[in-house]
Structure formats: C-alpha cells, structure tokens
Amino acid sequence: MAPTGHQINILRRRLQEITDAAPIDVPIATHPRLIEEARKIFPHTIIPIEHQTSLHFPRLDNCGSYAMGFSNWSEFSDLHETGYLDYGRKIAADRTFLEWLIRKRIIARRTVQPPNIGDFVAYFNGKAGWHIGRLICGDRVRSKWGVGLVYEHGLKEVPISYGRKISYYSGLADQHARDAFLQYAAVSGVHISDGR
C-alpha cells in the first residue's frame, strides 16, 4: 500500500528535525541511525551511501556541488575553504547558480516523462528552500543533504524544507558542469583557475 500524503509529511518533518539539528546536538555521523529509527514509525527507502559515512567527507559540499560532480574538483574545494569569497563576492553551487543554468539554457526543464537517468531532480519551496540531486533510476534520487551525508532515496523522501514542487532538468557531464560554473563565476566577477 502506497503511503498517504500525511504519512510522507510526517517522515519529511522527522528528516528535517534530524538534519536541522546542530552537529553538537546531533552529530552528522548519527544521521543514518536516526533515519533508520524513523523507519519504525514510517516505512521508507532511504539508504546512506556507505563511502560517505566516515568523517573524511567534504563537509562543506552542499547538494548543488555534489549533484554537479564538484566533490572531487580541487579548485572548487579550495573555493569552499576560503568561504566562497573573492573580493567580497559570494559564489557557490547554490540556487542562484541553478537558476543561472536554467536562464542561460545550459540545462533545460524536462517536460516529457519519464526523465532520463542522470537528470537533475530539483526541489523548490517558494523563494526560500531548494534542493537538487541526480536521478539514478525510476523514482530514485541520489543527493547530499545540507553539509551532511549523501543518500539514495525516493522522490518525496527528503526533509520538508526542500520543497514540495519537484522538477526535472537535463543532466550535465561533470566537465560541462565545471565549465558552466567557471563561466558563472566569471560573469559574477570571481575568477577561478580550473587547474588545466
């Protein structure tokens, strides 16, 4: 039996509580256990990605940088270490970057179903919330939750603040995403060496 909208909202609120807590109160390494415990109240299909459960993952990565494939890009990591700043300008793989990709038609919204494996799955919550992951099959998404861990999950199995509106956008190969970010940074007045 498929879960009701009410049951999904209960799960999403619990996921929000887990991921919103300060790392001192709820260390990130405990998130998988807490999410597994939530399964007792509401069955879900959320799976932590094993290689991300150690303490040696790039904590400053966000969902955007993970979905774009920037996790192993040293120049992007250096940008994170300096607090995204270059002469006082903030630059990140955030909602502003996603909206720029859409506006520049670097990625296009998928209007025909089903979307392709590797497409971006974007969640929107008005002007405030957003989240992005990659479609890995059918209705399964792989995404990084905040500065926490990477999970494989169902379409609606995300913290509630990420939003209710779900849209699909054409995926990008990692190098194309990097090139687009370098272009975005340049037009934003931030110059990054790409190591080439």
Foldseek 3Di string as FASTA:
>chain_A
DDDDPVLLQVLQQQQCVQLVDDCVVHNLLCSVVSNVVCCVVPNFDKDFDVVFSDPPFLLLDFQQCVLLPNRPQVLLSVCVVVVCDDPRFHADSDPVLVVVCDVVVVKDWDPDPDDDFSWKKKADAPPPAIGIFTHHDDQWTWTAHGSHTIIIGGNSNHRPRNHDDIITIGHDDNVSSVVSSQVVCVVSVHHIDRPD
